[in-house]
Amino acid sequence: MIRINLLSEGRRPTAVRKSKGPSLAERDWTNMLLVAGVVVGLIAIGAYWYVLNQRRNDVQHEVTVAQAEVERLKPILEEVEMFKKKQADLERKIEVITNLKNQQTGPVRVMDAISRALPELLWLDRMDVTPGEIRISGRAFNVNAVSNFIENLDKVPEFREPRVGQVRENGEVYTFTINVAYSLTPEKKEEDKAEDAAA
């Protein structure tokens, strides 16, 4: 039969319990460390919140200053927009005036060029000017005068190469018709084009 000594077994755990549990000083030290960690964490969170709050306040202040600056500059911006509109309107008016001026001086330039091209022994009977073309009819005492007139017209930068319609002998004079295409913005001659290409 097996005998168990209950008294000796019952005393052993109390001795074991005493040896296993932490002392009171160790418990206080652990609690103090835990409380210190919580306090440091709360301080760090508070400091981070304070920094973020300061940044937010700074940004709000900058936004307020920028809005005040925008409000201050609004009248100036409106004046600038009005000035731009007036400038565009003036430029459009100047362009219209320039076009009208060119259209007014166009026929004068055409008449001047033709009068300068007239040789001796030749006169004009009729001249029909349409946009882009001139039809000239006249008389001359000889064919050489007509030929000289055609050469002189060909030298005018605003005129294209003249086309002779007809030349007829009518007694002592020759009647002729010439068609000339023209543009009031002269085309560049070959020498001018070569100079531009070289430049």
N, C-alpha and C. Protein backbone atom coordinates (compact mmCIF):
# COMPACT_ATOMS: atom_id res chain seq x y z
N MET A 1 0.82 -1.16 0.00
CA MET A 1 0.00 0.00 0.00
C MET A 1 0.88 1.25 0.00
N ILE A 2 0.41 2.31 -0.64
CA ILE A 2 1.21 3.52 -0.76
C ILE A 2 0.70 4.51 0.26
N ARG A 3 1.65 5.16 0.98
CA ARG A 3 1.28 6.19 1.96
C ARG A 3 1.75 7.54 1.44
N ILE A 4 0.89 8.50 1.63
CA ILE A 4 1.22 9.86 1.19
C ILE A 4 1.21 10.73 2.42
N ASN A 5 2.25 11.48 2.58
CA ASN A 5 2.35 12.42 3.69
C ASN A 5 1.77 13.76 3.20
N LEU A 6 0.57 14.04 3.63
CA LEU A 6 -0.12 15.24 3.19
C LEU A 6 0.44 16.49 3.84
N LEU A 7 0.99 16.36 4.99
CA LEU A 7 1.51 17.53 5.68
C LEU A 7 2.74 18.06 4.98
N SER A 8 3.61 17.15 4.62
CA SER A 8 4.82 17.63 3.96
C SER A 8 4.50 18.18 2.57
N GLU A 9 3.54 17.56 1.88
CA GLU A 9 3.15 18.04 0.54
C GLU A 9 2.48 19.39 0.64
N GLY A 10 1.69 19.60 1.68
CA GLY A 10 0.97 20.86 1.82
C GLY A 10 1.87 22.02 2.16
N ARG A 11 3.01 21.75 2.80
CA ARG A 11 3.89 22.84 3.16
C ARG A 11 4.76 23.29 1.98
N ARG A 12 5.03 22.40 1.13
CA ARG A 12 5.91 22.71 0.01
C ARG A 12 5.42 23.86 -0.87
N PRO A 13 4.17 23.93 -1.24
CA PRO A 13 3.73 25.00 -2.12
C PRO A 13 3.88 26.37 -1.51
N THR A 14 3.68 26.51 -0.19
CA THR A 14 3.86 27.82 0.42
C THR A 14 5.31 28.26 0.29
N ALA A 15 6.22 27.31 0.47
CA ALA A 15 7.62 27.68 0.32
C ALA A 15 7.90 28.06 -1.13
N VAL A 16 7.26 27.32 -2.06
CA VAL A 16 7.46 27.62 -3.49
C VAL A 16 6.84 28.96 -3.80
N ARG A 17 5.67 29.22 -3.26
CA ARG A 17 4.99 30.49 -3.52
C ARG A 17 5.84 31.66 -3.05
N LYS A 18 6.44 31.53 -1.93
CA LYS A 18 7.25 32.61 -1.39
C LYS A 18 8.45 32.87 -2.29
N SER A 19 9.04 31.84 -2.81
CA SER A 19 10.23 32.03 -3.62
C SER A 19 9.89 32.56 -5.01
N LYS A 20 8.68 32.27 -5.58
CA LYS A 20 8.34 32.66 -6.94
C LYS A 20 7.87 34.12 -7.04
N GLY A 21 7.11 34.70 -6.18
CA GLY A 21 6.51 36.02 -6.30
C GLY A 21 7.55 37.13 -6.23
N PRO A 22 7.33 38.28 -7.04
CA PRO A 22 8.27 39.41 -6.99
C PRO A 22 8.12 40.16 -5.68
N SER A 23 9.19 40.81 -5.36
CA SER A 23 9.16 41.57 -4.11
C SER A 23 8.40 42.87 -4.32
N LEU A 24 8.05 43.51 -3.23
CA LEU A 24 7.29 44.77 -3.28
C LEU A 24 8.08 45.87 -3.97
N ALA A 25 9.38 45.92 -3.76
CA ALA A 25 10.23 46.95 -4.39
C ALA A 25 10.27 46.77 -5.90
N GLU A 26 10.30 45.49 -6.35
CA GLU A 26 10.33 45.25 -7.80
C GLU A 26 9.01 45.66 -8.44
N ARG A 27 7.90 45.39 -7.76
CA ARG A 27 6.59 45.79 -8.30
C ARG A 27 6.51 47.30 -8.43
N ASP A 28 6.95 48.04 -7.43
CA ASP A 28 6.90 49.50 -7.48
C ASP A 28 7.75 50.03 -8.65
N TRP A 29 8.92 49.45 -8.82
CA TRP A 29 9.80 49.88 -9.91
C TRP A 29 9.15 49.65 -11.27
N THR A 30 8.50 48.56 -11.47
CA THR A 30 7.82 48.25 -12.73
C THR A 30 6.67 49.22 -12.97
N ASN A 31 5.89 49.45 -11.92
CA ASN A 31 4.77 50.40 -12.06
C ASN A 31 5.28 51.80 -12.38
N MET A 32 6.37 52.18 -11.75
CA MET A 32 6.91 53.50 -12.01
C MET A 32 7.38 53.61 -13.47
N LEU A 33 8.01 52.54 -13.97
CA LEU A 33 8.45 52.55 -15.37
C LEU A 33 7.25 52.64 -16.31
N LEU A 34 6.20 51.89 -16.00
CA LEU A 34 5.00 51.91 -16.83
C LEU A 34 4.37 53.30 -16.83
N VAL A 35 4.24 53.91 -15.67
CA VAL A 35 3.66 55.26 -15.57
C VAL A 35 4.56 56.26 -16.29
N ALA A 36 5.87 56.14 -16.12
CA ALA A 36 6.80 57.04 -16.79
C ALA A 36 6.66 56.92 -18.31
N GLY A 37 6.52 55.67 -18.82
CA GLY A 37 6.33 55.47 -20.27
C GLY A 37 5.06 56.12 -20.76
N VAL A 38 3.96 55.97 -20.00
CA VAL A 38 2.69 56.59 -20.39
C VAL A 38 2.82 58.10 -20.39
N VAL A 39 3.49 58.66 -19.35
CA VAL A 39 3.65 60.11 -19.26
C VAL A 39 4.50 60.62 -20.44
N VAL A 40 5.60 59.93 -20.76
CA VAL A 40 6.46 60.34 -21.88
C VAL A 40 5.67 60.27 -23.18
N GLY A 41 4.86 59.20 -23.36
CA GLY A 41 4.03 59.08 -24.57
C GLY A 41 3.04 60.22 -24.68
N LEU A 42 2.38 60.56 -23.53
CA LEU A 42 1.42 61.66 -23.55
C LEU A 42 2.12 62.99 -23.86
N ILE A 43 3.32 63.18 -23.29
CA ILE A 43 4.06 64.41 -23.57
C ILE A 43 4.43 64.49 -25.07
N ALA A 44 4.88 63.35 -25.63
CA ALA A 44 5.25 63.33 -27.05
C ALA A 44 4.03 63.62 -27.93
N ILE A 45 2.88 63.02 -27.59
CA ILE A 45 1.66 63.27 -28.36
C ILE A 45 1.25 64.73 -28.24
N GLY A 46 1.34 65.26 -27.00
CA GLY A 46 0.99 66.67 -26.80
C GLY A 46 1.90 67.60 -27.59
N ALA A 47 3.22 67.29 -27.60
CA ALA A 47 4.17 68.12 -28.34
C ALA A 47 3.89 68.05 -29.84
N TYR A 48 3.60 66.84 -30.34
CA TYR A 48 3.28 66.67 -31.77
C TYR A 48 2.02 67.44 -32.13
N TRP A 49 1.00 67.34 -31.27
CA TRP A 49 -0.25 68.08 -31.50
C TRP A 49 0.02 69.58 -31.50
N TYR A 50 0.86 70.03 -30.59
CA TYR A 50 1.17 71.46 -30.51
C TYR A 50 1.85 71.94 -31.79
N VAL A 51 2.82 71.14 -32.29
CA VAL A 51 3.53 71.51 -33.52
C VAL A 51 2.55 71.55 -34.69
N LEU A 52 1.68 70.52 -34.81
CA LEU A 52 0.69 70.51 -35.89
C LEU A 52 -0.26 71.69 -35.78
N ASN A 53 -0.66 71.99 -34.57
CA ASN A 53 -1.58 73.11 -34.36
C ASN A 53 -0.92 74.43 -34.76
N GLN A 54 0.36 74.59 -34.42
CA GLN A 54 1.08 75.80 -34.82
C GLN A 54 1.18 75.91 -36.34
N ARG A 55 1.48 74.77 -36.98
CA ARG A 55 1.56 74.79 -38.45
C ARG A 55 0.21 75.15 -39.06
N ARG A 56 -0.86 74.56 -38.52
CA ARG A 56 -2.20 74.87 -39.04
C ARG A 56 -2.51 76.35 -38.86
N ASN A 57 -2.16 76.89 -37.70
CA ASN A 57 -2.38 78.32 -37.46
C ASN A 57 -1.57 79.19 -38.43
N ASP A 58 -0.31 78.77 -38.68
CA ASP A 58 0.53 79.52 -39.63
C ASP A 58 -0.08 79.49 -41.03
N VAL A 59 -0.53 78.31 -41.45
CA VAL A 59 -1.13 78.17 -42.79
C VAL A 59 -2.40 79.01 -42.88
N GLN A 60 -3.22 78.97 -41.82
CA GLN A 60 -4.44 79.78 -41.84
C GLN A 60 -4.11 81.27 -41.91
N HIS A 61 -3.06 81.67 -41.21
CA HIS A 61 -2.65 83.07 -41.25
C HIS A 61 -2.19 83.46 -42.67
N GLU A 62 -1.41 82.57 -43.31
CA GLU A 62 -0.94 82.84 -44.67
C GLU A 62 -2.13 82.94 -45.64
N VAL A 63 -3.11 82.03 -45.47
CA VAL A 63 -4.30 82.06 -46.32
C VAL A 63 -5.06 83.36 -46.14
N THR A 64 -5.19 83.80 -44.89
CA THR A 64 -5.89 85.06 -44.61
C THR A 64 -5.17 86.24 -45.25
N VAL A 65 -3.83 86.24 -45.11
CA VAL A 65 -3.04 87.32 -45.72
C VAL A 65 -3.19 87.30 -47.24
N ALA A 66 -3.14 86.09 -47.84
CA ALA A 66 -3.27 85.97 -49.30
C ALA A 66 -4.65 86.44 -49.76
N GLN A 67 -5.70 86.07 -49.01
CA GLN A 67 -7.05 86.52 -49.38
C GLN A 67 -7.16 88.04 -49.29
N ALA A 68 -6.56 88.61 -48.26
CA ALA A 68 -6.59 90.07 -48.14
C ALA A 68 -5.84 90.72 -49.30
N GLU A 69 -4.74 90.11 -49.72
CA GLU A 69 -3.97 90.64 -50.86
C GLU A 69 -4.78 90.54 -52.16
N VAL A 70 -5.49 89.42 -52.32
CA VAL A 70 -6.34 89.25 -53.51
C VAL A 70 -7.43 90.31 -53.53
N GLU A 71 -8.05 90.54 -52.38
CA GLU A 71 -9.10 91.57 -52.30
C GLU A 71 -8.52 92.95 -52.61
N ARG A 72 -7.29 93.20 -52.14
CA ARG A 72 -6.66 94.49 -52.40
C ARG A 72 -6.33 94.66 -53.88
N LEU A 73 -5.94 93.54 -54.53
CA LEU A 73 -5.52 93.62 -55.93
C LEU A 73 -6.68 93.50 -56.91
N LYS A 74 -7.88 93.16 -56.44
CA LYS A 74 -9.02 92.99 -57.35
C LYS A 74 -9.27 94.21 -58.22
N PRO A 75 -9.33 95.43 -57.64
CA PRO A 75 -9.57 96.60 -58.50
C PRO A 75 -8.46 96.80 -59.54
N ILE A 76 -7.22 96.50 -59.14
CA ILE A 76 -6.11 96.66 -60.08
C ILE A 76 -6.25 95.66 -61.22
N LEU A 77 -6.61 94.41 -60.89
CA LEU A 77 -6.80 93.40 -61.93
C LEU A 77 -7.93 93.78 -62.88
N GLU A 78 -9.00 94.35 -62.32
CA GLU A 78 -10.10 94.78 -63.18
C GLU A 78 -9.64 95.91 -64.11
N GLU A 79 -8.82 96.82 -63.59
CA GLU A 79 -8.29 97.90 -64.43
C GLU A 79 -7.41 97.33 -65.55
N VAL A 80 -6.60 96.32 -65.20
CA VAL A 80 -5.73 95.70 -66.21
C VAL A 80 -6.57 95.06 -67.31
N GLU A 81 -7.65 94.35 -66.91
CA GLU A 81 -8.53 93.73 -67.90
C GLU A 81 -9.18 94.78 -68.80
N MET A 82 -9.63 95.88 -68.19
CA MET A 82 -10.22 96.96 -68.98
C MET A 82 -9.19 97.55 -69.94
N PHE A 83 -7.95 97.70 -69.46
CA PHE A 83 -6.90 98.24 -70.32
C PHE A 83 -6.64 97.31 -71.50
N LYS A 84 -6.61 96.00 -71.24
CA LYS A 84 -6.39 95.03 -72.32
C LYS A 84 -7.50 95.10 -73.36
N LYS A 85 -8.76 95.23 -72.89
CA LYS A 85 -9.88 95.34 -73.83
C LYS A 85 -9.76 96.62 -74.66
N LYS A 86 -9.42 97.74 -73.98
CA LYS A 86 -9.27 99.00 -74.72
C LYS A 86 -8.13 98.91 -75.73
N GLN A 87 -7.04 98.26 -75.33
CA GLN A 87 -5.90 98.12 -76.23
C GLN A 87 -6.27 97.29 -77.45
N ALA A 88 -6.99 96.17 -77.23
CA ALA A 88 -7.43 95.34 -78.36
C ALA A 88 -8.36 96.12 -79.27
N ASP A 89 -9.26 96.92 -78.68
CA ASP A 89 -10.19 97.73 -79.47
C ASP A 89 -9.43 98.77 -80.29
N LEU A 90 -8.45 99.42 -79.66
CA LEU A 90 -7.64 100.42 -80.38
C LEU A 90 -6.84 99.78 -81.51
N GLU A 91 -6.27 98.61 -81.25
CA GLU A 91 -5.50 97.93 -82.30
C GLU A 91 -6.40 97.58 -83.48
N ARG A 92 -7.62 97.12 -83.18
CA ARG A 92 -8.57 96.80 -84.25
C ARG A 92 -8.91 98.05 -85.05
N LYS A 93 -9.14 99.17 -84.35
CA LYS A 93 -9.47 100.42 -85.05
C LYS A 93 -8.29 100.89 -85.91
N ILE A 94 -7.07 100.77 -85.36
CA ILE A 94 -5.89 101.17 -86.13
C ILE A 94 -5.76 100.32 -87.39
N GLU A 95 -6.04 99.01 -87.24
CA GLU A 95 -5.96 98.12 -88.41
C GLU A 95 -6.98 98.52 -89.47
N VAL A 96 -8.21 98.85 -89.03
CA VAL A 96 -9.25 99.28 -89.98
C VAL A 96 -8.82 100.56 -90.68
N ILE A 97 -8.29 101.53 -89.90
CA ILE A 97 -7.86 102.80 -90.49
C ILE A 97 -6.71 102.57 -91.48
N THR A 98 -5.77 101.69 -91.11
CA THR A 98 -4.65 101.40 -92.02
C THR A 98 -5.15 100.77 -93.31
N ASN A 99 -6.09 99.82 -93.20
CA ASN A 99 -6.64 99.19 -94.40
C ASN A 99 -7.35 100.21 -95.27
N LEU A 100 -8.14 101.10 -94.65
CA LEU A 100 -8.84 102.13 -95.43
C LEU A 100 -7.84 103.06 -96.11
N LYS A 101 -6.77 103.40 -95.38
CA LYS A 101 -5.76 104.29 -95.96
C LYS A 101 -5.09 103.63 -97.15
N ASN A 102 -4.77 102.34 -97.01
CA ASN A 102 -4.15 101.61 -98.13
C ASN A 102 -5.10 101.55 -99.32
N GLN A 103 -6.39 101.34 -99.05
CA GLN A 103 -7.37 101.27 -100.14
C GLN A 103 -7.52 102.62 -100.81
N GLN A 104 -7.40 103.69 -100.05
CA GLN A 104 -7.50 105.02 -100.66
C GLN A 104 -6.27 105.34 -101.50
N THR A 105 -5.11 104.98 -101.00
CA THR A 105 -3.89 105.30 -101.75
C THR A 105 -3.65 104.32 -102.88
N GLY A 106 -4.33 103.19 -102.88
CA GLY A 106 -4.13 102.18 -103.94
C GLY A 106 -4.37 102.73 -105.33
N PRO A 107 -5.55 103.26 -105.63
CA PRO A 107 -5.80 103.81 -106.98
C PRO A 107 -4.85 104.94 -107.33
N VAL A 108 -4.48 105.76 -106.34
CA VAL A 108 -3.54 106.84 -106.61
C VAL A 108 -2.19 106.27 -107.03
N ARG A 109 -1.75 105.23 -106.35
CA ARG A 109 -0.48 104.59 -106.70
C ARG A 109 -0.52 103.98 -108.09
N VAL A 110 -1.66 103.37 -108.43
CA VAL A 110 -1.82 102.76 -109.75
C VAL A 110 -1.73 103.84 -110.83
N MET A 111 -2.48 104.94 -110.64
CA MET A 111 -2.48 106.03 -111.62
C MET A 111 -1.07 106.64 -111.75
N ASP A 112 -0.39 106.79 -110.63
CA ASP A 112 0.94 107.36 -110.66
C ASP A 112 1.90 106.46 -111.42
N ALA A 113 1.82 105.14 -111.16
CA ALA A 113 2.72 104.20 -111.85
C ALA A 113 2.46 104.22 -113.35
N ILE A 114 1.21 104.26 -113.77
CA ILE A 114 0.90 104.26 -115.20
C ILE A 114 1.34 105.58 -115.84
N SER A 115 1.13 106.69 -115.16
CA SER A 115 1.55 107.97 -115.75
C SER A 115 3.07 108.05 -115.90
N ARG A 116 3.79 107.43 -114.97
CA ARG A 116 5.26 107.43 -115.08
C ARG A 116 5.72 106.50 -116.20
N ALA A 117 4.93 105.47 -116.49
CA ALA A 117 5.32 104.51 -117.53
C ALA A 117 5.00 105.02 -118.94
N LEU A 118 4.23 106.09 -119.07
CA LEU A 118 3.85 106.59 -120.41
C LEU A 118 5.07 107.15 -121.15
N PRO A 119 5.37 106.62 -122.33
CA PRO A 119 6.45 107.20 -123.13
C PRO A 119 5.93 108.35 -124.00
N GLU A 120 6.83 108.95 -124.73
CA GLU A 120 6.42 109.99 -125.66
C GLU A 120 5.68 109.36 -126.84
N LEU A 121 4.90 110.14 -127.52
CA LEU A 121 4.15 109.74 -128.70
C LEU A 121 3.08 108.68 -128.40
N LEU A 122 2.60 108.64 -127.16
CA LEU A 122 1.56 107.68 -126.77
C LEU A 122 0.64 108.36 -125.77
N TRP A 123 -0.67 108.10 -125.90
CA TRP A 123 -1.63 108.63 -124.92
C TRP A 123 -2.73 107.60 -124.69
N LEU A 124 -3.39 107.76 -123.59
CA LEU A 124 -4.42 106.79 -123.20
C LEU A 124 -5.80 107.35 -123.49
N ASP A 125 -6.69 106.47 -123.98
CA ASP A 125 -8.08 106.84 -124.21
C ASP A 125 -8.98 106.37 -123.07
N ARG A 126 -8.65 105.20 -122.54
CA ARG A 126 -9.54 104.64 -121.51
C ARG A 126 -8.72 103.72 -120.60
N MET A 127 -9.14 103.71 -119.32
CA MET A 127 -8.49 102.81 -118.36
C MET A 127 -9.55 102.30 -117.40
N ASP A 128 -9.79 100.99 -117.41
CA ASP A 128 -10.75 100.35 -116.50
C ASP A 128 -9.97 99.62 -115.42
N VAL A 129 -10.20 100.02 -114.17
CA VAL A 129 -9.49 99.41 -113.03
C VAL A 129 -10.48 98.57 -112.25
N THR A 130 -10.20 97.30 -112.13
CA THR A 130 -10.98 96.38 -111.29
C THR A 130 -10.02 95.83 -110.24
N PRO A 131 -10.55 95.24 -109.16
CA PRO A 131 -9.63 94.67 -108.16
C PRO A 131 -8.75 93.59 -108.77
N GLY A 132 -7.48 93.89 -108.88
CA GLY A 132 -6.53 92.90 -109.37
C GLY A 132 -6.16 93.04 -110.83
N GLU A 133 -6.87 93.86 -111.60
CA GLU A 133 -6.54 93.96 -113.03
C GLU A 133 -6.87 95.35 -113.58
N ILE A 134 -6.05 95.79 -114.57
CA ILE A 134 -6.25 97.08 -115.24
C ILE A 134 -6.34 96.80 -116.74
N ARG A 135 -7.35 97.37 -117.37
CA ARG A 135 -7.47 97.26 -118.84
C ARG A 135 -7.26 98.66 -119.41
N ILE A 136 -6.22 98.77 -120.24
CA ILE A 136 -5.81 100.06 -120.80
C ILE A 136 -6.04 100.04 -122.31
N SER A 137 -6.64 101.08 -122.82
CA SER A 137 -6.73 101.25 -124.28
C SER A 137 -6.25 102.66 -124.61
N GLY A 138 -5.49 102.77 -125.72
CA GLY A 138 -4.94 104.07 -126.08
C GLY A 138 -4.47 104.10 -127.52
N ARG A 139 -3.74 105.17 -127.83
CA ARG A 139 -3.23 105.35 -129.19
C ARG A 139 -1.77 105.79 -129.12
N ALA A 140 -1.05 105.47 -130.20
CA ALA A 140 0.36 105.86 -130.29
C ALA A 140 0.68 106.16 -131.75
N PHE A 141 1.75 106.97 -131.93
CA PHE A 141 2.13 107.31 -133.29
C PHE A 141 2.95 106.20 -133.95
N ASN A 142 3.54 105.31 -133.16
CA ASN A 142 4.27 104.18 -133.77
C ASN A 142 4.24 102.98 -132.81
N VAL A 143 4.63 101.83 -133.33
CA VAL A 143 4.62 100.58 -132.55
C VAL A 143 5.69 100.61 -131.47
N ASN A 144 6.80 101.31 -131.73
CA ASN A 144 7.87 101.38 -130.72
C ASN A 144 7.38 102.04 -129.43
N ALA A 145 6.51 103.03 -129.52
CA ALA A 145 5.98 103.69 -128.33
C ALA A 145 5.15 102.70 -127.51
N VAL A 146 4.38 101.85 -128.20
CA VAL A 146 3.59 100.82 -127.49
C VAL A 146 4.53 99.83 -126.81
N SER A 147 5.59 99.43 -127.52
CA SER A 147 6.56 98.49 -126.96
C SER A 147 7.24 99.10 -125.73
N ASN A 148 7.62 100.38 -125.84
CA ASN A 148 8.25 101.05 -124.68
C ASN A 148 7.29 101.12 -123.50
N PHE A 149 6.03 101.38 -123.78
CA PHE A 149 5.02 101.45 -122.70
C PHE A 149 4.89 100.10 -121.99
N ILE A 150 4.89 99.02 -122.76
CA ILE A 150 4.79 97.67 -122.17
C ILE A 150 6.03 97.39 -121.30
N GLU A 151 7.22 97.78 -121.81
CA GLU A 151 8.44 97.56 -121.02
C GLU A 151 8.40 98.36 -119.72
N ASN A 152 7.94 99.60 -119.80
CA ASN A 152 7.87 100.44 -118.60
C ASN A 152 6.87 99.87 -117.58
N LEU A 153 5.74 99.36 -118.08
CA LEU A 153 4.76 98.75 -117.15
C LEU A 153 5.35 97.51 -116.49
N ASP A 154 6.14 96.76 -117.24
CA ASP A 154 6.73 95.53 -116.70
C ASP A 154 7.72 95.82 -115.59
N LYS A 155 8.30 97.04 -115.58
CA LYS A 155 9.28 97.40 -114.55
C LYS A 155 8.63 97.83 -113.23
N VAL A 156 7.33 98.10 -113.24
CA VAL A 156 6.64 98.54 -112.02
C VAL A 156 6.47 97.32 -111.10
N PRO A 157 6.95 97.39 -109.85
CA PRO A 157 6.90 96.21 -108.96
C PRO A 157 5.48 95.74 -108.66
N GLU A 158 4.52 96.67 -108.63
CA GLU A 158 3.14 96.28 -108.29
C GLU A 158 2.43 95.56 -109.44
N PHE A 159 2.96 95.66 -110.67
CA PHE A 159 2.30 95.09 -111.85
C PHE A 159 2.91 93.74 -112.21
N ARG A 160 2.03 92.85 -112.70
CA ARG A 160 2.50 91.59 -113.28
C ARG A 160 2.85 91.85 -114.75
N GLU A 161 3.27 90.83 -115.43
CA GLU A 161 3.66 91.00 -116.83
C GLU A 161 2.46 91.43 -117.68
N PRO A 162 2.58 92.55 -118.39
CA PRO A 162 1.45 93.03 -119.20
C PRO A 162 1.16 92.09 -120.38
N ARG A 163 -0.14 91.97 -120.69
CA ARG A 163 -0.57 91.15 -121.83
C ARG A 163 -1.17 92.09 -122.89
N VAL A 164 -0.63 92.03 -124.09
CA VAL A 164 -1.12 92.89 -125.17
C VAL A 164 -2.36 92.25 -125.78
N GLY A 165 -3.46 93.04 -125.80
CA GLY A 165 -4.70 92.53 -126.39
C GLY A 165 -4.64 92.60 -127.91
N GLN A 166 -4.51 93.78 -128.41
CA GLN A 166 -4.41 93.96 -129.86
C GLN A 166 -3.76 95.31 -130.16
N VAL A 167 -3.06 95.35 -131.29
CA VAL A 167 -2.48 96.59 -131.80
C VAL A 167 -2.92 96.71 -133.27
N ARG A 168 -3.64 97.79 -133.60
CA ARG A 168 -4.14 97.98 -134.98
C ARG A 168 -3.69 99.34 -135.50
N GLU A 169 -3.40 99.31 -136.78
CA GLU A 169 -3.05 100.58 -137.42
C GLU A 169 -4.35 101.26 -137.85
N ASN A 170 -4.48 102.51 -137.49
CA ASN A 170 -5.71 103.26 -137.78
C ASN A 170 -5.31 104.59 -138.41
N GLY A 171 -5.03 104.56 -139.66
CA GLY A 171 -4.56 105.77 -140.32
C GLY A 171 -3.14 106.07 -139.90
N GLU A 172 -2.91 107.26 -139.34
CA GLU A 172 -1.56 107.65 -138.93
C GLU A 172 -1.22 107.19 -137.51
N VAL A 173 -2.19 106.63 -136.77
CA VAL A 173 -1.94 106.18 -135.38
C VAL A 173 -2.23 104.70 -135.25
N TYR A 174 -1.72 104.15 -134.14
CA TYR A 174 -1.96 102.74 -133.81
C TYR A 174 -2.81 102.71 -132.54
N THR A 175 -3.89 101.94 -132.58
CA THR A 175 -4.70 101.75 -131.37
C THR A 175 -4.25 100.44 -130.71
N PHE A 176 -4.32 100.42 -129.40
CA PHE A 176 -3.87 99.21 -128.69
C PHE A 176 -4.73 99.01 -127.43
N THR A 177 -4.72 97.78 -126.95
CA THR A 177 -5.31 97.44 -125.64
C THR A 177 -4.29 96.57 -124.90
N ILE A 178 -4.16 96.83 -123.61
CA ILE A 178 -3.22 96.08 -122.76
C ILE A 178 -3.94 95.72 -121.46
N ASN A 179 -3.78 94.51 -121.01
CA ASN A 179 -4.31 94.05 -119.72
C ASN A 179 -3.12 93.83 -118.78
N VAL A 180 -3.24 94.39 -117.57
CA VAL A 180 -2.17 94.25 -116.58
C VAL A 180 -2.79 93.82 -115.25
N ALA A 181 -2.31 92.69 -114.71
CA ALA A 181 -2.70 92.30 -113.35
C ALA A 181 -1.81 93.06 -112.37
N TYR A 182 -2.37 93.40 -111.20
CA TYR A 182 -1.57 94.18 -110.25
C TYR A 182 -1.91 93.76 -108.82
N SER A 183 -0.99 94.09 -107.93
CA SER A 183 -1.19 93.91 -106.50
C SER A 183 -0.50 95.07 -105.80
N LEU A 184 -1.18 95.65 -104.81
CA LEU A 184 -0.61 96.82 -104.13
C LEU A 184 0.50 96.46 -103.16
N THR A 185 0.67 95.14 -102.87
CA THR A 185 1.83 94.70 -102.10
C THR A 185 2.79 94.09 -103.11
N PRO A 186 3.86 94.79 -103.44
CA PRO A 186 4.72 94.35 -104.54
C PRO A 186 5.43 93.05 -104.20
N GLU A 187 5.55 92.19 -105.23
CA GLU A 187 6.30 90.96 -105.05
C GLU A 187 7.79 91.28 -105.08
N LYS A 188 8.56 90.49 -104.36
CA LYS A 188 10.00 90.72 -104.35
C LYS A 188 10.59 90.24 -105.67
N LYS A 189 11.56 91.00 -106.15
CA LYS A 189 12.25 90.59 -107.36
C LYS A 189 13.23 89.47 -107.01
N GLU A 190 13.79 88.84 -108.06
CA GLU A 190 14.69 87.71 -107.87
C GLU A 190 15.93 88.12 -107.07
N GLU A 191 16.46 89.35 -107.34
CA GLU A 191 17.66 89.78 -106.60
C GLU A 191 17.35 89.93 -105.11
N ASP A 192 16.14 90.48 -104.81
CA ASP A 192 15.75 90.65 -103.40
C ASP A 192 15.58 89.29 -102.73
N LYS A 193 14.99 88.33 -103.46
CA LYS A 193 14.81 86.99 -102.89
C LYS A 193 16.15 86.35 -102.61
N ALA A 194 17.12 86.53 -103.56
CA ALA A 194 18.45 85.96 -103.36
C ALA A 194 19.14 86.59 -102.15
N GLU A 195 18.98 87.93 -101.98
CA GLU A 195 19.58 88.60 -100.82
C GLU A 195 18.97 88.10 -99.52
N ASP A 196 17.63 87.90 -99.51
CA ASP A 196 16.98 87.39 -98.30
C ASP A 196 17.45 85.98 -97.98
N ALA A 197 17.62 85.15 -99.03
CA ALA A 197 18.08 83.79 -98.80
C ALA A 197 19.51 83.78 -98.27
N ALA A 198 20.34 84.69 -98.77
CA ALA A 198 21.73 84.78 -98.29
C ALA A 198 21.77 85.26 -96.85
N ALA A 199 20.87 86.18 -96.49
CA ALA A 199 20.84 86.69 -95.12
C ALA A 199 20.38 85.61 -94.18
